[in-house]
Amino acid sequence: MDDKKNELLQILLKKSIKTGHFILASGKESDLYCDCRVTTLDARGANLIGELGWQLVRDVILPRFPSISAIGGMTMGADPISLAIGMYSASATSPLGVFTVRKEPKDHGRGKRIEGNFSAGESVIVVDDVITTGGSTIKAIDAIEAEGGKVLAAFVLVDREEGGREAIESRGVPVYSLFTRRSIFGDQ
């Protein structure tokens, strides 16, 4: 593991990843809890996520899907990750647009569900901070597709390896993660 990825892992372990007994948002019990917002909203954590995330997008995802023009996901977990990667893409010939998906459409103004730099017809990367069952990522995919976007890839900070990747990939969307449970804790 390179130095910057290891530094980001140390921040995650210190601030965001806890072991014990937890009831997750899905109602499922787990011995692992990940509150990645504490890391994604940390100045150094966000900077490392932007740099390492853009590296993965630039070197792995864009060569496979060169039509991708934007990155975003369900508020709030995806927001700092999408923005950090988007900011690192600013020096590219074609920087990524950044958008956010609301949990519900606004009940005023134009009633938009997707805010920011997104247009119907665009190919995008959907983002999530953590995947467990994949439910929130799939909701974001559904919202993006309902607004005319095409989700070609998913970027996630931590894959808990509890079935979420498989659920998302069954939708035809490959998942790329910076960390997995296995890469954090080794084979247990």
N, C-alpha and C. Protein backbone atom coordinates (compact mmCIF):
# COMPACT_ATOMS: atom_id res chain seq x y z
N MET A 1 0.86 -1.18 0.00
CA MET A 1 0.00 0.00 0.00
C MET A 1 0.90 1.24 0.00
N ASP A 2 0.60 2.17 -0.90
CA ASP A 2 1.45 3.36 -0.94
C ASP A 2 1.23 4.23 0.28
N ASP A 3 2.13 5.20 0.47
CA ASP A 3 2.13 6.02 1.67
C ASP A 3 0.83 6.80 1.86
N LYS A 4 0.31 7.40 0.78
CA LYS A 4 -0.90 8.21 0.91
C LYS A 4 -2.12 7.35 1.21
N LYS A 5 -2.20 6.19 0.58
CA LYS A 5 -3.33 5.30 0.86
C LYS A 5 -3.25 4.80 2.31
N ASN A 6 -2.05 4.50 2.77
CA ASN A 6 -1.88 4.08 4.16
C ASN A 6 -2.24 5.22 5.12
N GLU A 7 -1.87 6.45 4.77
CA GLU A 7 -2.22 7.60 5.61
C GLU A 7 -3.73 7.75 5.70
N LEU A 8 -4.42 7.60 4.56
CA LEU A 8 -5.88 7.68 4.57
C LEU A 8 -6.47 6.55 5.40
N LEU A 9 -5.93 5.36 5.28
CA LEU A 9 -6.41 4.24 6.09
C LEU A 9 -6.25 4.54 7.57
N GLN A 10 -5.15 5.12 7.97
CA GLN A 10 -4.93 5.44 9.38
C GLN A 10 -5.96 6.46 9.88
N ILE A 11 -6.32 7.43 9.03
CA ILE A 11 -7.35 8.40 9.40
C ILE A 11 -8.70 7.70 9.55
N LEU A 12 -9.02 6.82 8.59
CA LEU A 12 -10.27 6.06 8.69
C LEU A 12 -10.32 5.24 9.97
N LEU A 13 -9.23 4.55 10.29
CA LEU A 13 -9.20 3.71 11.49
C LEU A 13 -9.31 4.54 12.76
N LYS A 14 -8.72 5.71 12.77
CA LYS A 14 -8.76 6.57 13.96
C LYS A 14 -10.13 7.23 14.13
N LYS A 15 -10.72 7.69 13.03
CA LYS A 15 -11.91 8.52 13.12
C LYS A 15 -13.22 7.83 12.75
N SER A 16 -13.18 6.87 11.84
CA SER A 16 -14.42 6.42 11.21
C SER A 16 -14.80 4.96 11.40
N ILE A 17 -13.84 4.10 11.59
CA ILE A 17 -14.12 2.66 11.62
C ILE A 17 -14.05 2.16 13.05
N LYS A 18 -15.14 1.53 13.48
CA LYS A 18 -15.22 1.00 14.84
C LYS A 18 -15.63 -0.47 14.77
N THR A 19 -15.12 -1.26 15.70
CA THR A 19 -15.54 -2.65 15.80
C THR A 19 -16.29 -2.84 17.11
N GLY A 20 -17.17 -3.80 17.13
CA GLY A 20 -18.01 -4.05 18.29
C GLY A 20 -19.30 -4.69 17.85
N HIS A 21 -20.41 -4.29 18.45
CA HIS A 21 -21.74 -4.80 18.06
C HIS A 21 -22.60 -3.60 17.71
N PHE A 22 -23.11 -3.59 16.47
CA PHE A 22 -23.87 -2.43 15.99
C PHE A 22 -25.11 -2.87 15.22
N ILE A 23 -26.15 -2.05 15.30
CA ILE A 23 -27.34 -2.21 14.45
C ILE A 23 -27.21 -1.13 13.37
N LEU A 24 -27.19 -1.57 12.12
CA LEU A 24 -27.01 -0.66 11.00
C LEU A 24 -28.33 -0.04 10.56
N ALA A 25 -28.25 0.95 9.69
CA ALA A 25 -29.46 1.61 9.16
C ALA A 25 -30.39 0.60 8.49
N SER A 26 -29.82 -0.45 7.92
CA SER A 26 -30.63 -1.49 7.26
C SER A 26 -31.35 -2.37 8.27
N GLY A 27 -31.00 -2.22 9.56
CA GLY A 27 -31.57 -3.09 10.59
C GLY A 27 -30.70 -4.32 10.84
N LYS A 28 -29.73 -4.52 9.99
CA LYS A 28 -28.83 -5.65 10.08
C LYS A 28 -27.84 -5.45 11.24
N GLU A 29 -27.43 -6.55 11.89
CA GLU A 29 -26.42 -6.49 12.94
C GLU A 29 -25.05 -6.67 12.30
N SER A 30 -24.05 -5.99 12.84
CA SER A 30 -22.70 -6.11 12.31
C SER A 30 -21.68 -5.88 13.41
N ASP A 31 -20.48 -6.41 13.18
CA ASP A 31 -19.37 -6.17 14.10
C ASP A 31 -18.50 -5.01 13.62
N LEU A 32 -18.94 -4.33 12.55
CA LEU A 32 -18.16 -3.25 11.97
C LEU A 32 -19.05 -2.04 11.71
N TYR A 33 -18.61 -0.87 12.16
CA TYR A 33 -19.34 0.37 11.93
C TYR A 33 -18.41 1.35 11.24
N CYS A 34 -18.89 1.97 10.18
CA CYS A 34 -18.09 2.94 9.42
C CYS A 34 -18.86 4.25 9.31
N ASP A 35 -18.41 5.27 10.00
CA ASP A 35 -18.96 6.62 9.85
C ASP A 35 -17.92 7.42 9.06
N CYS A 36 -17.93 7.24 7.75
CA CYS A 36 -16.90 7.83 6.90
C CYS A 36 -16.98 9.34 6.84
N ARG A 37 -18.12 9.92 7.20
CA ARG A 37 -18.23 11.39 7.15
C ARG A 37 -17.18 12.07 8.02
N VAL A 38 -16.79 11.44 9.12
CA VAL A 38 -15.80 12.05 9.99
C VAL A 38 -14.45 12.16 9.25
N THR A 39 -14.19 11.22 8.36
CA THR A 39 -12.96 11.26 7.55
C THR A 39 -13.15 12.12 6.31
N THR A 40 -14.29 12.00 5.62
CA THR A 40 -14.48 12.76 4.37
C THR A 40 -14.62 14.24 4.63
N LEU A 41 -15.01 14.63 5.85
CA LEU A 41 -15.12 16.04 6.20
C LEU A 41 -13.90 16.56 6.97
N ASP A 42 -12.88 15.73 7.07
CA ASP A 42 -11.60 16.12 7.66
C ASP A 42 -10.74 16.68 6.52
N ALA A 43 -10.07 17.80 6.74
CA ALA A 43 -9.31 18.46 5.67
C ALA A 43 -8.30 17.52 5.02
N ARG A 44 -7.49 16.85 5.82
CA ARG A 44 -6.48 15.95 5.24
C ARG A 44 -7.14 14.72 4.64
N GLY A 45 -8.15 14.17 5.31
CA GLY A 45 -8.87 13.02 4.77
C GLY A 45 -9.47 13.33 3.41
N ALA A 46 -10.15 14.47 3.30
CA ALA A 46 -10.77 14.87 2.04
C ALA A 46 -9.73 15.06 0.95
N ASN A 47 -8.60 15.66 1.31
CA ASN A 47 -7.54 15.87 0.33
C ASN A 47 -7.01 14.54 -0.20
N LEU A 48 -6.77 13.59 0.69
CA LEU A 48 -6.29 12.27 0.28
C LEU A 48 -7.34 11.54 -0.55
N ILE A 49 -8.60 11.62 -0.16
CA ILE A 49 -9.68 10.98 -0.93
C ILE A 49 -9.73 11.58 -2.33
N GLY A 50 -9.61 12.90 -2.42
CA GLY A 50 -9.62 13.54 -3.74
C GLY A 50 -8.48 13.06 -4.61
N GLU A 51 -7.28 13.04 -4.05
CA GLU A 51 -6.11 12.63 -4.83
C GLU A 51 -6.17 11.16 -5.22
N LEU A 52 -6.42 10.29 -4.24
CA LEU A 52 -6.45 8.85 -4.51
C LEU A 52 -7.67 8.47 -5.36
N GLY A 53 -8.79 9.13 -5.09
CA GLY A 53 -10.00 8.86 -5.88
C GLY A 53 -9.83 9.27 -7.32
N TRP A 54 -9.26 10.47 -7.54
CA TRP A 54 -9.03 10.93 -8.92
C TRP A 54 -8.05 10.01 -9.64
N GLN A 55 -7.03 9.54 -8.92
CA GLN A 55 -6.07 8.60 -9.50
C GLN A 55 -6.80 7.34 -10.00
N LEU A 56 -7.68 6.78 -9.18
CA LEU A 56 -8.44 5.59 -9.55
C LEU A 56 -9.37 5.89 -10.73
N VAL A 57 -10.06 7.01 -10.67
CA VAL A 57 -10.96 7.38 -11.76
C VAL A 57 -10.16 7.56 -13.05
N ARG A 58 -9.10 8.35 -12.99
CA ARG A 58 -8.29 8.67 -14.17
C ARG A 58 -7.61 7.44 -14.77
N ASP A 59 -7.03 6.59 -13.90
CA ASP A 59 -6.21 5.48 -14.39
C ASP A 59 -6.98 4.19 -14.65
N VAL A 60 -8.12 4.01 -14.00
CA VAL A 60 -8.84 2.74 -14.12
C VAL A 60 -10.23 2.92 -14.74
N ILE A 61 -11.02 3.85 -14.23
CA ILE A 61 -12.41 3.97 -14.67
C ILE A 61 -12.51 4.67 -16.03
N LEU A 62 -11.88 5.84 -16.19
CA LEU A 62 -12.01 6.58 -17.45
C LEU A 62 -11.45 5.84 -18.66
N PRO A 63 -10.36 5.08 -18.55
CA PRO A 63 -9.93 4.32 -19.72
C PRO A 63 -10.98 3.29 -20.17
N ARG A 64 -11.73 2.76 -19.24
CA ARG A 64 -12.78 1.79 -19.56
C ARG A 64 -14.05 2.48 -20.02
N PHE A 65 -14.34 3.66 -19.45
CA PHE A 65 -15.57 4.40 -19.76
C PHE A 65 -15.23 5.86 -20.07
N PRO A 66 -14.65 6.13 -21.24
CA PRO A 66 -14.18 7.50 -21.54
C PRO A 66 -15.29 8.53 -21.70
N SER A 67 -16.54 8.11 -21.82
CA SER A 67 -17.64 9.08 -21.99
C SER A 67 -18.11 9.68 -20.67
N ILE A 68 -17.59 9.21 -19.53
CA ILE A 68 -18.00 9.74 -18.23
C ILE A 68 -17.65 11.22 -18.14
N SER A 69 -18.63 12.03 -17.71
CA SER A 69 -18.39 13.47 -17.63
C SER A 69 -18.73 14.06 -16.26
N ALA A 70 -19.31 13.26 -15.36
CA ALA A 70 -19.70 13.81 -14.06
C ALA A 70 -19.63 12.72 -12.99
N ILE A 71 -19.62 13.19 -11.73
CA ILE A 71 -19.52 12.29 -10.58
C ILE A 71 -20.41 12.83 -9.47
N GLY A 72 -21.14 11.93 -8.80
CA GLY A 72 -21.98 12.35 -7.69
C GLY A 72 -22.77 11.18 -7.14
N GLY A 73 -23.50 11.44 -6.07
CA GLY A 73 -24.28 10.38 -5.45
C GLY A 73 -25.23 10.95 -4.42
N MET A 74 -25.79 10.05 -3.63
CA MET A 74 -26.81 10.41 -2.65
C MET A 74 -26.21 11.31 -1.57
N THR A 75 -26.90 12.44 -1.33
CA THR A 75 -26.47 13.31 -0.25
C THR A 75 -26.68 12.56 1.08
N MET A 76 -25.89 12.59 1.99
CA MET A 76 -24.77 13.45 2.22
C MET A 76 -23.47 12.68 2.15
N GLY A 77 -23.55 11.36 2.22
CA GLY A 77 -22.33 10.57 2.23
C GLY A 77 -21.46 10.76 1.01
N ALA A 78 -22.07 10.92 -0.16
CA ALA A 78 -21.30 11.04 -1.39
C ALA A 78 -20.76 12.45 -1.63
N ASP A 79 -21.38 13.46 -1.04
CA ASP A 79 -21.06 14.84 -1.40
C ASP A 79 -19.59 15.22 -1.23
N PRO A 80 -18.98 15.04 -0.06
CA PRO A 80 -17.58 15.46 0.07
C PRO A 80 -16.63 14.63 -0.80
N ILE A 81 -16.96 13.37 -1.04
CA ILE A 81 -16.12 12.50 -1.87
C ILE A 81 -16.17 12.97 -3.32
N SER A 82 -17.39 13.20 -3.81
CA SER A 82 -17.57 13.65 -5.20
C SER A 82 -16.86 14.97 -5.43
N LEU A 83 -17.03 15.91 -4.50
CA LEU A 83 -16.41 17.22 -4.64
C LEU A 83 -14.88 17.11 -4.60
N ALA A 84 -14.34 16.31 -3.68
CA ALA A 84 -12.88 16.16 -3.58
C ALA A 84 -12.30 15.59 -4.87
N ILE A 85 -12.94 14.56 -5.42
CA ILE A 85 -12.45 13.97 -6.67
C ILE A 85 -12.62 14.96 -7.81
N GLY A 86 -13.76 15.64 -7.85
CA GLY A 86 -13.98 16.65 -8.88
C GLY A 86 -12.94 17.75 -8.85
N MET A 87 -12.57 18.18 -7.66
CA MET A 87 -11.56 19.22 -7.52
C MET A 87 -10.21 18.75 -8.05
N TYR A 88 -9.84 17.50 -7.76
CA TYR A 88 -8.58 16.97 -8.29
C TYR A 88 -8.63 16.81 -9.80
N SER A 89 -9.82 16.63 -10.37
CA SER A 89 -9.94 16.48 -11.82
C SER A 89 -9.80 17.81 -12.56
N ALA A 90 -9.78 18.92 -11.81
CA ALA A 90 -9.78 20.25 -12.43
C ALA A 90 -8.60 20.48 -13.37
N SER A 91 -7.49 19.81 -13.16
CA SER A 91 -6.33 20.00 -14.03
C SER A 91 -6.40 19.14 -15.29
N ALA A 92 -7.39 18.27 -15.38
CA ALA A 92 -7.54 17.41 -16.56
C ALA A 92 -8.09 18.21 -17.74
N THR A 93 -7.90 17.69 -18.93
CA THR A 93 -8.44 18.32 -20.13
C THR A 93 -9.96 18.48 -20.03
N SER A 94 -10.61 17.44 -19.51
CA SER A 94 -12.06 17.46 -19.32
C SER A 94 -12.37 17.17 -17.85
N PRO A 95 -12.39 18.19 -16.99
CA PRO A 95 -12.68 17.93 -15.58
C PRO A 95 -14.10 17.38 -15.40
N LEU A 96 -14.28 16.64 -14.33
CA LEU A 96 -15.59 16.07 -14.04
C LEU A 96 -16.53 17.12 -13.45
N GLY A 97 -17.78 17.11 -13.89
CA GLY A 97 -18.81 17.88 -13.22
C GLY A 97 -19.18 17.16 -11.93
N VAL A 98 -19.62 17.88 -10.93
CA VAL A 98 -19.99 17.29 -9.66
C VAL A 98 -21.46 17.59 -9.39
N PHE A 99 -22.19 16.59 -8.94
CA PHE A 99 -23.61 16.75 -8.63
C PHE A 99 -23.96 16.00 -7.36
N THR A 100 -25.15 16.26 -6.85
CA THR A 100 -25.64 15.54 -5.67
C THR A 100 -27.08 15.11 -5.92
N VAL A 101 -27.43 13.97 -5.38
CA VAL A 101 -28.78 13.41 -5.51
C VAL A 101 -29.49 13.60 -4.17
N ARG A 102 -30.62 14.31 -4.22
CA ARG A 102 -31.43 14.49 -3.00
C ARG A 102 -32.16 13.20 -2.67
N LYS A 103 -32.43 13.01 -1.40
CA LYS A 103 -33.22 11.84 -1.00
C LYS A 103 -34.65 11.94 -1.54
N GLU A 104 -35.16 13.15 -1.60
CA GLU A 104 -36.50 13.42 -2.15
C GLU A 104 -36.41 14.67 -3.01
N PRO A 105 -37.23 14.78 -4.06
CA PRO A 105 -37.22 16.02 -4.85
C PRO A 105 -37.61 17.21 -3.98
N LYS A 106 -37.07 18.38 -4.32
CA LYS A 106 -37.46 19.60 -3.61
C LYS A 106 -38.96 19.82 -3.77
N ASP A 107 -39.59 20.37 -2.75
CA ASP A 107 -41.02 20.64 -2.84
C ASP A 107 -41.28 22.09 -3.22
N HIS A 108 -40.27 22.77 -3.69
CA HIS A 108 -40.41 24.16 -4.11
C HIS A 108 -39.49 24.41 -5.31
N GLY A 109 -39.55 25.60 -5.86
CA GLY A 109 -38.71 25.93 -7.01
C GLY A 109 -38.99 25.00 -8.17
N ARG A 110 -37.94 24.44 -8.73
CA ARG A 110 -38.09 23.55 -9.89
C ARG A 110 -38.28 22.09 -9.49
N GLY A 111 -38.31 21.81 -8.19
CA GLY A 111 -38.59 20.45 -7.72
C GLY A 111 -37.53 19.44 -8.14
N LYS A 112 -36.29 19.87 -8.20
CA LYS A 112 -35.22 19.01 -8.69
C LYS A 112 -34.82 17.94 -7.67
N ARG A 113 -34.49 16.78 -8.18
CA ARG A 113 -33.96 15.69 -7.36
C ARG A 113 -32.44 15.67 -7.43
N ILE A 114 -31.88 16.12 -8.56
CA ILE A 114 -30.43 16.16 -8.73
C ILE A 114 -29.99 17.60 -8.87
N GLU A 115 -29.03 18.00 -8.04
CA GLU A 115 -28.52 19.37 -8.03
C GLU A 115 -27.08 19.39 -8.48
N GLY A 116 -26.68 20.48 -9.09
CA GLY A 116 -25.29 20.65 -9.48
C GLY A 116 -25.08 20.45 -10.96
N ASN A 117 -23.93 19.93 -11.30
CA ASN A 117 -23.49 19.82 -12.70
C ASN A 117 -23.86 18.48 -13.29
N PHE A 118 -25.14 18.36 -13.65
CA PHE A 118 -25.68 17.13 -14.21
C PHE A 118 -26.71 17.49 -15.26
N SER A 119 -26.68 16.76 -16.38
CA SER A 119 -27.69 16.94 -17.42
C SER A 119 -28.13 15.58 -17.92
N ALA A 120 -29.39 15.49 -18.33
CA ALA A 120 -29.91 14.26 -18.93
C ALA A 120 -29.01 13.89 -20.10
N GLY A 121 -28.78 12.60 -20.26
CA GLY A 121 -27.95 12.10 -21.35
C GLY A 121 -26.49 11.88 -20.97
N GLU A 122 -26.07 12.43 -19.84
CA GLU A 122 -24.67 12.28 -19.42
C GLU A 122 -24.38 10.89 -18.87
N SER A 123 -23.14 10.46 -19.07
CA SER A 123 -22.63 9.24 -18.45
C SER A 123 -21.88 9.65 -17.20
N VAL A 124 -22.16 8.96 -16.09
CA VAL A 124 -21.64 9.40 -14.79
C VAL A 124 -21.11 8.24 -13.96
N ILE A 125 -20.35 8.64 -12.91
CA ILE A 125 -19.94 7.73 -11.85
C ILE A 125 -20.82 8.04 -10.65
N VAL A 126 -21.43 7.01 -10.06
CA VAL A 126 -22.19 7.20 -8.83
C VAL A 126 -21.24 6.93 -7.67
N VAL A 127 -21.39 7.70 -6.60
CA VAL A 127 -20.47 7.64 -5.46
C VAL A 127 -21.23 7.29 -4.18
N ASP A 128 -20.57 6.54 -3.31
CA ASP A 128 -21.08 6.34 -1.95
C ASP A 128 -19.89 6.24 -1.02
N ASP A 129 -20.11 6.59 0.24
CA ASP A 129 -19.00 6.51 1.19
C ASP A 129 -18.77 5.07 1.64
N VAL A 130 -19.85 4.36 1.96
CA VAL A 130 -19.76 2.98 2.43
C VAL A 130 -20.86 2.18 1.75
N ILE A 131 -20.55 0.96 1.33
CA ILE A 131 -21.63 0.08 0.88
C ILE A 131 -21.69 -1.14 1.78
N THR A 132 -22.90 -1.46 2.17
CA THR A 132 -23.18 -2.67 2.95
C THR A 132 -24.10 -3.53 2.09
N THR A 133 -25.38 -3.13 1.98
CA THR A 133 -26.33 -3.87 1.13
C THR A 133 -26.36 -3.29 -0.28
N GLY A 134 -25.86 -2.06 -0.44
CA GLY A 134 -25.91 -1.38 -1.74
C GLY A 134 -27.17 -0.57 -1.93
N GLY A 135 -28.06 -0.60 -0.93
CA GLY A 135 -29.37 0.05 -1.06
C GLY A 135 -29.33 1.52 -1.41
N SER A 136 -28.51 2.31 -0.72
CA SER A 136 -28.50 3.75 -1.00
C SER A 136 -27.85 4.04 -2.35
N THR A 137 -26.86 3.26 -2.72
CA THR A 137 -26.23 3.45 -4.03
C THR A 137 -27.23 3.12 -5.14
N ILE A 138 -28.01 2.07 -4.95
CA ILE A 138 -29.02 1.69 -5.95
C ILE A 138 -30.11 2.77 -6.03
N LYS A 139 -30.49 3.37 -4.90
CA LYS A 139 -31.46 4.47 -4.94
C LYS A 139 -30.90 5.64 -5.74
N ALA A 140 -29.62 5.93 -5.58
CA ALA A 140 -28.99 7.01 -6.35
C ALA A 140 -28.97 6.65 -7.83
N ILE A 141 -28.64 5.41 -8.16
CA ILE A 141 -28.65 4.96 -9.56
C ILE A 141 -30.05 5.14 -10.15
N ASP A 142 -31.07 4.72 -9.40
CA ASP A 142 -32.45 4.86 -9.88
C ASP A 142 -32.81 6.32 -10.14
N ALA A 143 -32.41 7.21 -9.23
CA ALA A 143 -32.71 8.63 -9.38
C ALA A 143 -31.99 9.21 -10.60
N ILE A 144 -30.73 8.86 -10.78
CA ILE A 144 -29.95 9.36 -11.91
C ILE A 144 -30.56 8.87 -13.22
N GLU A 145 -30.90 7.59 -13.27
CA GLU A 145 -31.51 7.04 -14.48
C GLU A 145 -32.87 7.66 -14.76
N ALA A 146 -33.64 7.93 -13.71
CA ALA A 146 -34.97 8.55 -13.88
C ALA A 146 -34.85 9.96 -14.46
N GLU A 147 -33.70 10.61 -14.20
CA GLU A 147 -33.46 11.96 -14.74
C GLU A 147 -32.71 11.93 -16.06
N GLY A 148 -32.54 10.73 -16.63
CA GLY A 148 -31.94 10.61 -17.96
C GLY A 148 -30.45 10.39 -17.99
N GLY A 149 -29.82 10.15 -16.84
CA GLY A 149 -28.38 9.89 -16.81
C GLY A 149 -28.09 8.41 -16.99
N LYS A 150 -26.86 8.12 -17.38
CA LYS A 150 -26.42 6.74 -17.54
C LYS A 150 -25.28 6.50 -16.55
N VAL A 151 -25.49 5.61 -15.59
CA VAL A 151 -24.48 5.30 -14.58
C VAL A 151 -23.60 4.18 -15.14
N LEU A 152 -22.33 4.50 -15.37
CA LEU A 152 -21.41 3.51 -15.95
C LEU A 152 -20.53 2.84 -14.91
N ALA A 153 -20.34 3.48 -13.74
CA ALA A 153 -19.47 2.92 -12.71
C ALA A 153 -19.88 3.47 -11.35
N ALA A 154 -19.49 2.74 -10.31
CA ALA A 154 -19.71 3.19 -8.93
C ALA A 154 -18.35 3.29 -8.25
N PHE A 155 -18.16 4.39 -7.52
CA PHE A 155 -16.94 4.60 -6.72
C PHE A 155 -17.37 4.61 -5.27
N VAL A 156 -16.69 3.83 -4.45
CA VAL A 156 -17.02 3.78 -3.02
C VAL A 156 -15.73 3.84 -2.21
N LEU A 157 -15.79 4.55 -1.10
CA LEU A 157 -14.63 4.65 -0.22
C LEU A 157 -14.37 3.33 0.49
N VAL A 158 -15.41 2.75 1.13
CA VAL A 158 -15.26 1.50 1.87
C VAL A 158 -16.36 0.51 1.47
N ASP A 159 -15.95 -0.64 0.98
CA ASP A 159 -16.87 -1.75 0.70
C ASP A 159 -16.78 -2.70 1.88
N ARG A 160 -17.88 -2.81 2.62
CA ARG A 160 -17.90 -3.67 3.82
C ARG A 160 -17.90 -5.15 3.46
N GLU A 161 -18.04 -5.46 2.17
CA GLU A 161 -18.07 -6.84 1.67
C GLU A 161 -19.19 -7.65 2.33
N GLU A 162 -20.38 -7.06 2.32
CA GLU A 162 -21.55 -7.73 2.89
C GLU A 162 -22.67 -7.83 1.86
N GLY A 163 -22.32 -7.93 0.57
CA GLY A 163 -23.31 -8.14 -0.48
C GLY A 163 -23.66 -6.92 -1.31
N GLY A 164 -23.23 -5.74 -0.89
CA GLY A 164 -23.57 -4.52 -1.62
C GLY A 164 -22.97 -4.46 -3.01
N ARG A 165 -21.71 -4.84 -3.12
CA ARG A 165 -21.04 -4.83 -4.43
C ARG A 165 -21.81 -5.71 -5.41
N GLU A 166 -22.17 -6.89 -4.97
CA GLU A 166 -22.89 -7.83 -5.85
C GLU A 166 -24.24 -7.26 -6.26
N ALA A 167 -24.95 -6.62 -5.33
CA ALA A 167 -26.26 -6.04 -5.64
C ALA A 167 -26.12 -4.92 -6.69
N ILE A 168 -25.12 -4.08 -6.53
CA ILE A 168 -24.90 -2.98 -7.49
C ILE A 168 -24.46 -3.54 -8.83
N GLU A 169 -23.53 -4.48 -8.81
CA GLU A 169 -23.03 -5.04 -10.06
C GLU A 169 -24.09 -5.85 -10.79
N SER A 170 -25.09 -6.36 -10.07
CA SER A 170 -26.19 -7.07 -10.74
C SER A 170 -27.03 -6.10 -11.58
N ARG A 171 -26.86 -4.81 -11.34
CA ARG A 171 -27.52 -3.76 -12.14
C ARG A 171 -26.67 -3.37 -13.35
N GLY A 172 -25.53 -4.04 -13.52
CA GLY A 172 -24.65 -3.74 -14.64
C GLY A 172 -23.70 -2.59 -14.38
N VAL A 173 -23.51 -2.23 -13.11
CA VAL A 173 -22.65 -1.11 -12.74
C VAL A 173 -21.45 -1.67 -11.95
N PRO A 174 -20.25 -1.68 -12.55
CA PRO A 174 -19.09 -2.17 -11.81
C PRO A 174 -18.73 -1.24 -10.65
N VAL A 175 -18.28 -1.84 -9.55
CA VAL A 175 -17.94 -1.10 -8.33
C VAL A 175 -16.42 -1.05 -8.18
N TYR A 176 -15.92 0.15 -7.93
CA TYR A 176 -14.50 0.38 -7.68
C TYR A 176 -14.40 0.98 -6.28
N SER A 177 -13.58 0.37 -5.41
CA SER A 177 -13.47 0.88 -4.04
C SER A 177 -12.01 1.17 -3.70
N LEU A 178 -11.83 2.18 -2.85
CA LEU A 178 -10.48 2.44 -2.34
C LEU A 178 -10.12 1.42 -1.28
N PHE A 179 -11.11 1.02 -0.45
CA PHE A 179 -10.86 0.06 0.62
C PHE A 179 -11.97 -0.96 0.68
N THR A 180 -11.63 -2.17 1.10
CA THR A 180 -12.59 -3.21 1.41
C THR A 180 -12.33 -3.66 2.84
N ARG A 181 -13.28 -4.35 3.39
CA ARG A 181 -13.07 -4.90 4.74
C ARG A 181 -11.77 -5.70 4.78
N ARG A 182 -11.55 -6.51 3.75
CA ARG A 182 -10.36 -7.36 3.69
C ARG A 182 -9.08 -6.52 3.63
N SER A 183 -9.10 -5.42 2.84
CA SER A 183 -7.88 -4.62 2.73
C SER A 183 -7.61 -3.85 4.02
N ILE A 184 -8.64 -3.61 4.81
CA ILE A 184 -8.47 -2.90 6.08
C ILE A 184 -7.99 -3.84 7.18
N PHE A 185 -8.62 -5.02 7.28
CA PHE A 185 -8.33 -5.92 8.40
C PHE A 185 -7.57 -7.18 8.00
N GLY A 186 -7.33 -7.40 6.72
CA GLY A 186 -6.69 -8.63 6.28
C GLY A 186 -7.72 -9.74 6.29
N ASP A 187 -7.30 -10.95 5.93
CA ASP A 187 -8.22 -12.09 5.95
C ASP A 187 -8.51 -12.46 7.39
N GLN A 188 -9.79 -12.46 7.76
CA GLN A 188 -10.15 -12.76 9.15
C GLN A 188 -10.76 -14.13 9.26
